[in-house]
Amino acid sequence: MELRRDVFQAIADPTRRAIIALVAMQAMTPSAIAENFQSSRQTISKHIQILTACEILEQEQSGRTIHYHLNPQKIKEIADFIEPFRQLWDNRFNKLESVMKNYQSDQ
């Protein structure tokens, strides 16, 4: 049985979210990614491995150079999963806003 990393645990880490944001702009080599952090290259490499295992990042090799880029399909899957919860909370906040407006107008 193959154990898969949980994508939500992967994106819970702020460093990994920062890596996602960097790679979303353009494909980058591991060295270019690591230059943006004060952590060791090994630490950043581990973060990249986790994001790759979750299929958030994909690697593309050109000769000896590896570039990582964002997997838009995986990001869409995450967004699709979260969307109903976002809508639920938007509706709740809109109802709260309506109640607060009515309360203020009654004062």
PDB file of N, CA and C in Angstrom:
ATOM      1  N   MET A   1       0.842  -1.184   0.000  1.00  0.00           N
ATOM      2  CA  MET A   1       0.000   0.000   0.000  1.00  0.00           C
ATOM      3  C   MET A   1       0.886   1.246   0.000  1.00  0.00           C
ATOM      4  N   GLU A   2       0.652   2.126  -0.947  1.00  0.00           N
ATOM      5  CA  GLU A   2       1.438   3.347  -1.062  1.00  0.00           C
ATOM      6  C   GLU A   2       0.793   4.439  -0.221  1.00  0.00           C
ATOM      7  N   LEU A   3       1.585   5.032   0.665  1.00  0.00           N
ATOM      8  CA  LEU A   3       1.097   6.140   1.477  1.00  0.00           C
ATOM      9  C   LEU A   3       1.267   7.431   0.697  1.00  0.00           C
ATOM     10  N   ARG A   4       0.227   8.207   0.646  1.00  0.00           N
ATOM     11  CA  ARG A   4       0.280   9.487  -0.056  1.00  0.00           C
ATOM     12  C   ARG A   4       0.220  10.602   0.961  1.00  0.00           C
ATOM     13  N   ARG A   5       0.925  11.640   0.702  1.00  0.00           N
ATOM     14  CA  ARG A   5       0.908  12.803   1.584  1.00  0.00           C
ATOM     15  C   ARG A   5      -0.428  13.522   1.434  1.00  0.00           C
ATOM     16  N   ASP A   6      -0.866  14.092   2.529  1.00  0.00           N
ATOM     17  CA  ASP A   6      -2.094  14.872   2.524  1.00  0.00           C
ATOM     18  C   ASP A   6      -1.791  16.257   1.963  1.00  0.00           C
ATOM     19  N   VAL A   7      -2.483  16.627   0.915  1.00  0.00           N
ATOM     20  CA  VAL A   7      -2.240  17.901   0.248  1.00  0.00           C
ATOM     21  C   VAL A   7      -2.509  19.081   1.190  1.00  0.00           C
ATOM     22  N   PHE A   8      -3.454  18.931   2.102  1.00  0.00           N
ATOM     23  CA  PHE A   8      -3.767  20.033   3.007  1.00  0.00           C
ATOM     24  C   PHE A   8      -2.703  20.199   4.089  1.00  0.00           C
ATOM     25  N   GLN A   9      -2.072  19.103   4.491  1.00  0.00           N
ATOM     26  CA  GLN A   9      -0.925  19.228   5.391  1.00  0.00           C
ATOM     27  C   GLN A   9       0.232  19.896   4.651  1.00  0.00           C
ATOM     28  N   ALA A  10       0.375  19.574   3.387  1.00  0.00           N
ATOM     29  CA  ALA A  10       1.455  20.169   2.598  1.00  0.00           C
ATOM     30  C   ALA A  10       1.286  21.681   2.476  1.00  0.00           C
ATOM     31  N   ILE A  11       0.083  22.137   2.196  1.00  0.00           N
ATOM     32  CA  ILE A  11      -0.106  23.580   2.001  1.00  0.00           C
ATOM     33  C   ILE A  11      -0.303  24.316   3.328  1.00  0.00           C
ATOM     34  N   ALA A  12      -0.368  23.593   4.427  1.00  0.00           N
ATOM     35  CA  ALA A  12      -0.491  24.244   5.737  1.00  0.00           C
ATOM     36  C   ALA A  12       0.812  24.925   6.143  1.00  0.00           C
ATOM     37  N   ASP A  13       1.915  24.464   5.615  1.00  0.00           N
ATOM     38  CA  ASP A  13       3.216  25.033   5.984  1.00  0.00           C
ATOM     39  C   ASP A  13       3.453  26.351   5.234  1.00  0.00           C
ATOM     40  N   PRO A  14       3.799  27.430   5.942  1.00  0.00           N
ATOM     41  CA  PRO A  14       3.989  28.729   5.281  1.00  0.00           C
ATOM     42  C   PRO A  14       5.127  28.738   4.265  1.00  0.00           C
ATOM     43  N   THR A  15       6.183  27.989   4.513  1.00  0.00           N
ATOM     44  CA  THR A  15       7.284  27.939   3.541  1.00  0.00           C
ATOM     45  C   THR A  15       6.822  27.283   2.251  1.00  0.00           C
ATOM     46  N   ARG A  16       6.056  26.212   2.366  1.00  0.00           N
ATOM     47  CA  ARG A  16       5.562  25.544   1.159  1.00  0.00           C
ATOM     48  C   ARG A  16       4.575  26.428   0.412  1.00  0.00           C
ATOM     49  N   ARG A  17       3.761  27.184   1.145  1.00  0.00           N
ATOM     50  CA  ARG A  17       2.854  28.128   0.459  1.00  0.00           C
ATOM     51  C   ARG A  17       3.653  29.196  -0.277  1.00  0.00           C
ATOM     52  N   ALA A  18       4.751  29.639   0.317  1.00  0.00           N
ATOM     53  CA  ALA A  18       5.609  30.633  -0.342  1.00  0.00           C
ATOM     54  C   ALA A  18       6.255  30.040  -1.596  1.00  0.00           C
ATOM     55  N   ILE A  19       6.657  28.794  -1.521  1.00  0.00           N
ATOM     56  CA  ILE A  19       7.226  28.119  -2.698  1.00  0.00           C
ATOM     57  C   ILE A  19       6.178  28.032  -3.799  1.00  0.00           C
ATOM     58  N   ILE A  20       4.957  27.677  -3.429  1.00  0.00           N
ATOM     59  CA  ILE A  20       3.867  27.607  -4.418  1.00  0.00           C
ATOM     60  C   ILE A  20       3.674  28.963  -5.084  1.00  0.00           C
ATOM     61  N   ALA A  21       3.681  30.023  -4.286  1.00  0.00           N
ATOM     62  CA  ALA A  21       3.492  31.369  -4.835  1.00  0.00           C
ATOM     63  C   ALA A  21       4.625  31.736  -5.791  1.00  0.00           C
ATOM     64  N   LEU A  22       5.850  31.377  -5.443  1.00  0.00           N
ATOM     65  CA  LEU A  22       6.990  31.657  -6.324  1.00  0.00           C
ATOM     66  C   LEU A  22       6.871  30.912  -7.651  1.00  0.00           C
ATOM     67  N   VAL A  23       6.596  29.626  -7.560  1.00  0.00           N
ATOM     68  CA  VAL A  23       6.562  28.783  -8.755  1.00  0.00           C
ATOM     69  C   VAL A  23       5.323  29.074  -9.596  1.00  0.00           C
ATOM     70  N   ALA A  24       4.301  29.653  -8.992  1.00  0.00           N
ATOM     71  CA  ALA A  24       3.100  30.009  -9.751  1.00  0.00           C
ATOM     72  C   ALA A  24       3.414  31.081 -10.796  1.00  0.00           C
ATOM     73  N   MET A  25       4.403  31.915 -10.502  1.00  0.00           N
ATOM     74  CA  MET A  25       4.772  32.989 -11.436  1.00  0.00           C
ATOM     75  C   MET A  25       5.579  32.469 -12.618  1.00  0.00           C
ATOM     76  N   GLN A  26       6.482  31.518 -12.345  1.00  0.00           N
ATOM     77  CA  GLN A  26       7.324  30.966 -13.408  1.00  0.00           C
ATOM     78  C   GLN A  26       7.980  29.689 -12.919  1.00  0.00           C
ATOM     79  N   ALA A  27       8.321  28.820 -13.839  1.00  0.00           N
ATOM     80  CA  ALA A  27       9.046  27.600 -13.492  1.00  0.00           C
ATOM     81  C   ALA A  27      10.413  27.994 -12.943  1.00  0.00           C
ATOM     82  N   MET A  28      10.851  27.268 -11.923  1.00  0.00           N
ATOM     83  CA  MET A  28      12.112  27.610 -11.268  1.00  0.00           C
ATOM     84  C   MET A  28      12.920  26.365 -10.965  1.00  0.00           C
ATOM     85  N   THR A  29      14.237  26.527 -10.925  1.00  0.00           N
ATOM     86  CA  THR A  29      15.124  25.455 -10.498  1.00  0.00           C
ATOM     87  C   THR A  29      15.120  25.405  -8.972  1.00  0.00           C
ATOM     88  N   PRO A  30      15.520  24.295  -8.400  1.00  0.00           N
ATOM     89  CA  PRO A  30      15.593  24.219  -6.938  1.00  0.00           C
ATOM     90  C   PRO A  30      16.501  25.301  -6.340  1.00  0.00           C
ATOM     91  N   SER A  31      17.613  25.590  -7.001  1.00  0.00           N
ATOM     92  CA  SER A  31      18.526  26.634  -6.507  1.00  0.00           C
ATOM     93  C   SER A  31      17.859  27.998  -6.519  1.00  0.00           C
ATOM     94  N   ALA A  32      17.126  28.296  -7.577  1.00  0.00           N
ATOM     95  CA  ALA A  32      16.439  29.587  -7.668  1.00  0.00           C
ATOM     96  C   ALA A  32      15.370  29.704  -6.588  1.00  0.00           C
ATOM     97  N   ILE A  33      14.694  28.622  -6.307  1.00  0.00           N
ATOM     98  CA  ILE A  33      13.691  28.632  -5.232  1.00  0.00           C
ATOM     99  C   ILE A  33      14.385  28.871  -3.897  1.00  0.00           C
ATOM    100  N   ALA A  34      15.471  28.131  -3.638  1.00  0.00           N
ATOM    101  CA  ALA A  34      16.175  28.218  -2.359  1.00  0.00           C
ATOM    102  C   ALA A  34      16.735  29.614  -2.102  1.00  0.00           C
ATOM    103  N   GLU A  35      17.107  30.340  -3.148  1.00  0.00           N
ATOM    104  CA  GLU A  35      17.648  31.693  -2.988  1.00  0.00           C
ATOM    105  C   GLU A  35      16.665  32.652  -2.328  1.00  0.00           C
ATOM    106  N   ASN A  36      15.401  32.328  -2.353  1.00  0.00           N
ATOM    107  CA  ASN A  36      14.373  33.194  -1.785  1.00  0.00           C
ATOM    108  C   ASN A  36      14.117  32.948  -0.303  1.00  0.00           C
ATOM    109  N   PHE A  37      14.866  32.027   0.301  1.00  0.00           N
ATOM    110  CA  PHE A  37      14.632  31.651   1.696  1.00  0.00           C
ATOM    111  C   PHE A  37      15.940  31.654   2.475  1.00  0.00           C
ATOM    112  N   GLN A  38      15.829  31.822   3.771  1.00  0.00           N
ATOM    113  CA  GLN A  38      17.006  31.781   4.636  1.00  0.00           C
ATOM    114  C   GLN A  38      17.285  30.359   5.120  1.00  0.00           C
ATOM    115  N   SER A  39      16.429  29.440   4.818  1.00  0.00           N
ATOM    116  CA  SER A  39      16.614  28.036   5.192  1.00  0.00           C
ATOM    117  C   SER A  39      17.708  27.411   4.330  1.00  0.00           C
ATOM    118  N   SER A  40      18.221  26.269   4.775  1.00  0.00           N
ATOM    119  CA  SER A  40      19.237  25.560   3.997  1.00  0.00           C
ATOM    120  C   SER A  40      18.617  25.011   2.712  1.00  0.00           C
ATOM    121  N   ARG A  41      19.475  24.726   1.758  1.00  0.00           N
ATOM    122  CA  ARG A  41      18.993  24.163   0.499  1.00  0.00           C
ATOM    123  C   ARG A  41      18.351  22.796   0.725  1.00  0.00           C
ATOM    124  N   GLN A  42      18.891  22.034   1.703  1.00  0.00           N
ATOM    125  CA  GLN A  42      18.335  20.720   2.007  1.00  0.00           C
ATOM    126  C   GLN A  42      16.911  20.842   2.540  1.00  0.00           C
ATOM    127  N   THR A  43      16.682  21.859   3.367  1.00  0.00           N
ATOM    128  CA  THR A  43      15.336  22.079   3.910  1.00  0.00           C
ATOM    129  C   THR A  43      14.365  22.433   2.789  1.00  0.00           C
ATOM    130  N   ILE A  44      14.780  23.318   1.912  1.00  0.00           N
ATOM    131  CA  ILE A  44      13.925  23.710   0.781  1.00  0.00           C
ATOM    132  C   ILE A  44      13.705  22.520  -0.139  1.00  0.00           C
ATOM    133  N   SER A  45      14.732  21.710  -0.322  1.00  0.00           N
ATOM    134  CA  SER A  45      14.602  20.507  -1.146  1.00  0.00           C
ATOM    135  C   SER A  45      13.543  19.574  -0.568  1.00  0.00           C
ATOM    136  N   LYS A  46      13.519  19.426   0.741  1.00  0.00           N
ATOM    137  CA  LYS A  46      12.515  18.572   1.401  1.00  0.00           C
ATOM    138  C   LYS A  46      11.106  19.138   1.169  1.00  0.00           C
ATOM    139  N   HIS A  47      10.966  20.448   1.275  1.00  0.00           N
ATOM    140  CA  HIS A  47       9.665  21.078   1.004  1.00  0.00           C
ATOM    141  C   HIS A  47       9.230  20.812  -0.440  1.00  0.00           C
ATOM    142  N   ILE A  48      10.164  20.933  -1.365  1.00  0.00           N
ATOM    143  CA  ILE A  48       9.861  20.683  -2.780  1.00  0.00           C
ATOM    144  C   ILE A  48       9.451  19.231  -2.986  1.00  0.00           C
ATOM    145  N   GLN A  49      10.133  18.298  -2.313  1.00  0.00           N
ATOM    146  CA  GLN A  49       9.782  16.881  -2.419  1.00  0.00           C
ATOM    147  C   GLN A  49       8.355  16.637  -1.938  1.00  0.00           C
ATOM    148  N   ILE A  50       7.976  17.272  -0.844  1.00  0.00           N
ATOM    149  CA  ILE A  50       6.621  17.107  -0.309  1.00  0.00           C
ATOM    150  C   ILE A  50       5.598  17.646  -1.305  1.00  0.00           C
ATOM    151  N   LEU A  51       5.859  18.828  -1.848  1.00  0.00           N
ATOM    152  CA  LEU A  51       4.926  19.418  -2.813  1.00  0.00           C
ATOM    153  C   LEU A  51       4.847  18.580  -4.091  1.00  0.00           C
ATOM    154  N   THR A  52       5.944  17.976  -4.472  1.00  0.00           N
ATOM    155  CA  THR A  52       5.954  17.104  -5.649  1.00  0.00           C
ATOM    156  C   THR A  52       5.192  15.810  -5.363  1.00  0.00           C
ATOM    157  N   ALA A  53       5.379  15.265  -4.159  1.00  0.00           N
ATOM    158  CA  ALA A  53       4.665  14.034  -3.779  1.00  0.00           C
ATOM    159  C   ALA A  53       3.158  14.257  -3.770  1.00  0.00           C
ATOM    160  N   CYS A  54       2.741  15.465  -3.439  1.00  0.00           N
ATOM    161  CA  CYS A  54       1.309  15.802  -3.430  1.00  0.00           C
ATOM    162  C   CYS A  54       0.803  16.226  -4.803  1.00  0.00           C
ATOM    163  N   GLU A  55       1.701  16.252  -5.763  1.00  0.00           N
ATOM    164  CA  GLU A  55       1.390  16.622  -7.145  1.00  0.00           C
ATOM    165  C   GLU A  55       1.013  18.086  -7.305  1.00  0.00           C
ATOM    166  N   ILE A  56       1.389  18.917  -6.336  1.00  0.00           N
ATOM    167  CA  ILE A  56       1.168  20.360  -6.466  1.00  0.00           C
ATOM    168  C   ILE A  56       2.213  20.945  -7.405  1.00  0.00           C
ATOM    169  N   LEU A  57       3.436  20.435  -7.287  1.00  0.00           N
ATOM    170  CA  LEU A  57       4.505  20.820  -8.201  1.00  0.00           C
ATOM    171  C   LEU A  57       4.813  19.649  -9.116  1.00  0.00           C
ATOM    172  N   GLU A  58       5.195  19.982 -10.330  1.00  0.00           N
ATOM    173  CA  GLU A  58       5.662  18.980 -11.278  1.00  0.00           C
ATOM    174  C   GLU A  58       7.063  19.368 -11.696  1.00  0.00           C
ATOM    175  N   GLN A  59       7.885  18.377 -11.940  1.00  0.00           N
ATOM    176  CA  GLN A  59       9.241  18.681 -12.373  1.00  0.00           C
ATOM    177  C   GLN A  59       9.408  18.355 -13.843  1.00  0.00           C
ATOM    178  N   GLU A  60      10.225  19.156 -14.470  1.00  0.00           N
ATOM    179  CA  GLU A  60      10.526  18.972 -15.886  1.00  0.00           C
ATOM    180  C   GLU A  60      12.037  19.044 -16.028  1.00  0.00           C
ATOM    181  N   GLN A  61      12.619  18.021 -16.600  1.00  0.00           N
ATOM    182  CA  GLN A  61      14.066  17.982 -16.737  1.00  0.00           C
ATOM    183  C   GLN A  61      14.463  18.342 -18.153  1.00  0.00           C
ATOM    184  N   SER A  62      15.420  19.244 -18.244  1.00  0.00           N
ATOM    185  CA  SER A  62      15.977  19.657 -19.520  1.00  0.00           C
ATOM    186  C   SER A  62      17.489  19.509 -19.407  1.00  0.00           C
ATOM    187  N   GLY A  63      18.010  18.422 -19.940  1.00  0.00           N
ATOM    188  CA  GLY A  63      19.431  18.122 -19.754  1.00  0.00           C
ATOM    189  C   GLY A  63      19.680  17.807 -18.289  1.00  0.00           C
ATOM    190  N   ARG A  64      20.594  18.541 -17.683  1.00  0.00           N
ATOM    191  CA  ARG A  64      20.887  18.344 -16.259  1.00  0.00           C
ATOM    192  C   ARG A  64      20.042  19.231 -15.359  1.00  0.00           C
ATOM    193  N   THR A  65      19.319  20.145 -15.940  1.00  0.00           N
ATOM    194  CA  THR A  65      18.564  21.132 -15.175  1.00  0.00           C
ATOM    195  C   THR A  65      17.132  20.662 -14.937  1.00  0.00           C
ATOM    196  N   ILE A  66      16.704  20.787 -13.696  1.00  0.00           N
ATOM    197  CA  ILE A  66      15.323  20.465 -13.335  1.00  0.00           C
ATOM    198  C   ILE A  66      14.606  21.770 -13.033  1.00  0.00           C
ATOM    199  N   HIS A  67      13.444  21.926 -13.626  1.00  0.00           N
ATOM    200  CA  HIS A  67      12.575  23.072 -13.338  1.00  0.00           C
ATOM    201  C   HIS A  67      11.295  22.551 -12.713  1.00  0.00           C
ATOM    202  N   TYR A  68      10.843  23.247 -11.699  1.00  0.00           N
ATOM    203  CA  TYR A  68       9.570  22.919 -11.071  1.00  0.00           C
ATOM    204  C   TYR A  68       8.535  23.942 -11.507  1.00  0.00           C
ATOM    205  N   HIS A  69       7.360  23.443 -11.795  1.00  0.00           N
ATOM    206  CA  HIS A  69       6.252  24.332 -12.147  1.00  0.00           C
ATOM    207  C   HIS A  69       4.992  23.856 -11.442  1.00  0.00           C
ATOM    208  N   LEU A  70       4.041  24.752 -11.352  1.00  0.00           N
ATOM    209  CA  LEU A  70       2.792  24.479 -10.661  1.00  0.00           C
ATOM    210  C   LEU A  70       1.919  23.548 -11.496  1.00  0.00           C
ATOM    211  N   ASN A  71       1.246  22.634 -10.831  1.00  0.00           N
ATOM    212  CA  ASN A  71       0.293  21.752 -11.491  1.00  0.00           C
ATOM    213  C   ASN A  71      -1.090  22.399 -11.336  1.00  0.00           C
ATOM    214  N   PRO A  72      -1.568  23.103 -12.356  1.00  0.00           N
ATOM    215  CA  PRO A  72      -2.831  23.832 -12.218  1.00  0.00           C
ATOM    216  C   PRO A  72      -4.027  22.915 -11.949  1.00  0.00           C
ATOM    217  N   GLN A  73      -3.983  21.690 -12.443  1.00  0.00           N
ATOM    218  CA  GLN A  73      -5.091  20.767 -12.217  1.00  0.00           C
ATOM    219  C   GLN A  73      -5.228  20.449 -10.728  1.00  0.00           C
ATOM    220  N   LYS A  74      -4.099  20.242 -10.047  1.00  0.00           N
ATOM    221  CA  LYS A  74      -4.137  19.928  -8.617  1.00  0.00           C
ATOM    222  C   LYS A  74      -4.628  21.133  -7.826  1.00  0.00           C
ATOM    223  N   ILE A  75      -4.177  22.325  -8.205  1.00  0.00           N
ATOM    224  CA  ILE A  75      -4.634  23.544  -7.533  1.00  0.00           C
ATOM    225  C   ILE A  75      -6.140  23.700  -7.721  1.00  0.00           C
ATOM    226  N   LYS A  76      -6.639  23.369  -8.914  1.00  0.00           N
ATOM    227  CA  LYS A  76      -8.082  23.455  -9.167  1.00  0.00           C
ATOM    228  C   LYS A  76      -8.841  22.449  -8.305  1.00  0.00           C
ATOM    229  N   GLU A  77      -8.299  21.247  -8.146  1.00  0.00           N
ATOM    230  CA  GLU A  77      -8.940  20.250  -7.282  1.00  0.00           C
ATOM    231  C   GLU A  77      -9.043  20.755  -5.847  1.00  0.00           C
ATOM    232  N   ILE A  78      -7.985  21.382  -5.366  1.00  0.00           N
ATOM    233  CA  ILE A  78      -7.988  21.939  -4.005  1.00  0.00           C
ATOM    234  C   ILE A  78      -9.041  23.038  -3.909  1.00  0.00           C
ATOM    235  N   ALA A  79      -9.037  23.943  -4.883  1.00  0.00           N
ATOM    236  CA  ALA A  79      -9.995  25.050  -4.884  1.00  0.00           C
ATOM    237  C   ALA A  79     -11.436  24.545  -4.975  1.00  0.00           C
ATOM    238  N   ASP A  80     -11.665  23.524  -5.790  1.00  0.00           N
ATOM    239  CA  ASP A  80     -13.008  22.957  -5.920  1.00  0.00           C
ATOM    240  C   ASP A  80     -13.476  22.337  -4.606  1.00  0.00           C
ATOM    241  N   PHE A  81     -12.561  21.717  -3.878  1.00  0.00           N
ATOM    242  CA  PHE A  81     -12.920  21.128  -2.588  1.00  0.00           C
ATOM    243  C   PHE A  81     -13.271  22.213  -1.573  1.00  0.00           C
ATOM    244  N   ILE A  82     -12.531  23.307  -1.584  1.00  0.00           N
ATOM    245  CA  ILE A  82     -12.711  24.377  -0.600  1.00  0.00           C
ATOM    246  C   ILE A  82     -13.920  25.265  -0.916  1.00  0.00           C
ATOM    247  N   GLU A  83     -14.289  25.372  -2.171  1.00  0.00           N
ATOM    248  CA  GLU A  83     -15.337  26.312  -2.601  1.00  0.00           C
ATOM    249  C   GLU A  83     -16.654  26.194  -1.825  1.00  0.00           C
ATOM    250  N   PRO A  84     -17.214  25.009  -1.605  1.00  0.00           N
ATOM    251  CA  PRO A  84     -18.480  24.952  -0.857  1.00  0.00           C
ATOM    252  C   PRO A  84     -18.354  25.520   0.567  1.00  0.00           C
ATOM    253  N   PHE A  85     -17.196  25.335   1.180  1.00  0.00           N
ATOM    254  CA  PHE A  85     -16.987  25.884   2.521  1.00  0.00           C
ATOM    255  C   PHE A  85     -16.884  27.402   2.480  1.00  0.00           C
ATOM    256  N   ARG A  86     -16.232  27.923   1.450  1.00  0.00           N
ATOM    257  CA  ARG A  86     -16.125  29.373   1.284  1.00  0.00           C
ATOM    258  C   ARG A  86     -17.514  29.985   1.095  1.00  0.00           C
ATOM    259  N   GLN A  87     -18.322  29.331   0.274  1.00  0.00           N
ATOM    260  CA  GLN A  87     -19.683  29.815   0.050  1.00  0.00           C
ATOM    261  C   GLN A  87     -20.495  29.779   1.339  1.00  0.00           C
ATOM    262  N   LEU A  88     -20.345  28.708   2.100  1.00  0.00           N
ATOM    263  CA  LEU A  88     -21.051  28.591   3.377  1.00  0.00           C
ATOM    264  C   LEU A  88     -20.705  29.749   4.294  1.00  0.00           C
ATOM    265  N   TRP A  89     -19.414  30.047   4.440  1.00  0.00           N
ATOM    266  CA  TRP A  89     -18.995  31.129   5.326  1.00  0.00           C
ATOM    267  C   TRP A  89     -19.370  32.494   4.765  1.00  0.00           C
ATOM    268  N   ASP A  90     -19.314  32.666   3.439  1.00  0.00           N
ATOM    269  CA  ASP A  90     -19.777  33.923   2.846  1.00  0.00           C
ATOM    270  C   ASP A  90     -21.244  34.161   3.178  1.00  0.00           C
ATOM    271  N   ASN A  91     -22.064  33.111   3.056  1.00  0.00           N
ATOM    272  CA  ASN A  91     -23.485  33.242   3.378  1.00  0.00           C
ATOM    273  C   ASN A  91     -23.686  33.584   4.844  1.00  0.00           C
ATOM    274  N   ARG A  92     -22.938  32.948   5.721  1.00  0.00           N
ATOM    275  CA  ARG A  92     -23.065  33.232   7.156  1.00  0.00           C
ATOM    276  C   ARG A  92     -22.661  34.670   7.478  1.00  0.00           C
ATOM    277  N   PHE A  93     -21.577  35.136   6.882  1.00  0.00           N
ATOM    278  CA  PHE A  93     -21.150  36.511   7.129  1.00  0.00           C
ATOM    279  C   PHE A  93     -22.128  37.510   6.541  1.00  0.00           C
ATOM    280  N   ASN A  94     -22.724  37.192   5.392  1.00  0.00           N
ATOM    281  CA  ASN A  94     -23.726  38.079   4.808  1.00  0.00           C
ATOM    282  C   ASN A  94     -24.958  38.173   5.705  1.00  0.00           C
ATOM    283  N   LYS A  95     -25.378  37.041   6.287  1.00  0.00           N
ATOM    284  CA  LYS A  95     -26.506  37.051   7.218  1.00  0.00           C
ATOM    285  C   LYS A  95     -26.162  37.857   8.462  1.00  0.00           C
ATOM    286  N   LEU A  96     -24.960  37.688   8.971  1.00  0.00           N
ATOM    287  CA  LEU A  96     -24.530  38.447  10.140  1.00  0.00           C
ATOM    288  C   LEU A  96     -24.504  39.941   9.837  1.00  0.00           C
ATOM    289  N   GLU A  97     -24.015  40.294   8.669  1.00  0.00           N
ATOM    290  CA  GLU A  97     -23.987  41.697   8.264  1.00  0.00           C
ATOM    291  C   GLU A  97     -25.405  42.263   8.197  1.00  0.00           C
ATOM    292  N   SER A  98     -26.338  41.488   7.665  1.00  0.00           N
ATOM    293  CA  SER A  98     -27.731  41.922   7.587  1.00  0.00           C
ATOM    294  C   SER A  98     -28.320  42.130   8.982  1.00  0.00           C
ATOM    295  N   VAL A  99     -28.050  41.197   9.881  1.00  0.00           N
ATOM    296  CA  VAL A  99     -28.537  41.319  11.255  1.00  0.00           C
ATOM    297  C   VAL A  99     -27.957  42.564  11.920  1.00  0.00           C
ATOM    298  N   MET A 100     -26.664  42.796  11.717  1.00  0.00           N
ATOM    299  CA  MET A 100     -26.012  43.955  12.325  1.00  0.00           C
ATOM    300  C   MET A 100     -26.568  45.274  11.763  1.00  0.00           C
ATOM    301  N   LYS A 101     -26.860  45.312  10.467  1.00  0.00           N
ATOM    302  CA  LYS A 101     -27.452  46.511   9.879  1.00  0.00           C
ATOM    303  C   LYS A 101     -28.828  46.776  10.461  1.00  0.00           C
ATOM    304  N   ASN A 102     -29.628  45.710  10.605  1.00  0.00           N
ATOM    305  CA  ASN A 102     -30.960  45.867  11.200  1.00  0.00           C
ATOM    306  C   ASN A 102     -30.852  46.320  12.654  1.00  0.00           C
ATOM    307  N   TYR A 103     -29.905  45.779  13.374  1.00  0.00           N
ATOM    308  CA  TYR A 103     -29.696  46.139  14.778  1.00  0.00           C
ATOM    309  C   TYR A 103     -29.294  47.609  14.882  1.00  0.00           C
ATOM    310  N   GLN A 104     -28.420  48.072  14.005  1.00  0.00           N
ATOM    311  CA  GLN A 104     -27.979  49.471  14.036  1.00  0.00           C
ATOM    312  C   GLN A 104     -29.093  50.414  13.655  1.00  0.00           C
ATOM    313  N   SER A 105     -29.942  50.016  12.716  1.00  0.00           N
ATOM    314  CA  SER A 105     -31.044  50.890  12.304  1.00  0.00           C
ATOM    315  C   SER A 105     -32.114  50.965  13.384  1.00  0.00           C
ATOM    316  N   ASP A 106     -32.212  49.937  14.233  1.00  0.00           N
ATOM    317  CA  ASP A 106     -33.175  49.938  15.335  1.00  0.00           C
ATOM    318  C   ASP A 106     -32.705  50.818  16.497  1.00  0.00           C
ATOM    319  N   GLN A 107     -31.440  51.093  16.559  1.00  0.00           N
ATOM    320  CA  GLN A 107     -30.878  51.879  17.664  1.00  0.00           C
ATOM    321  C   GLN A 107     -31.147  53.327  17.521  1.00  0.00           C
TER     322      GLN A 107
END
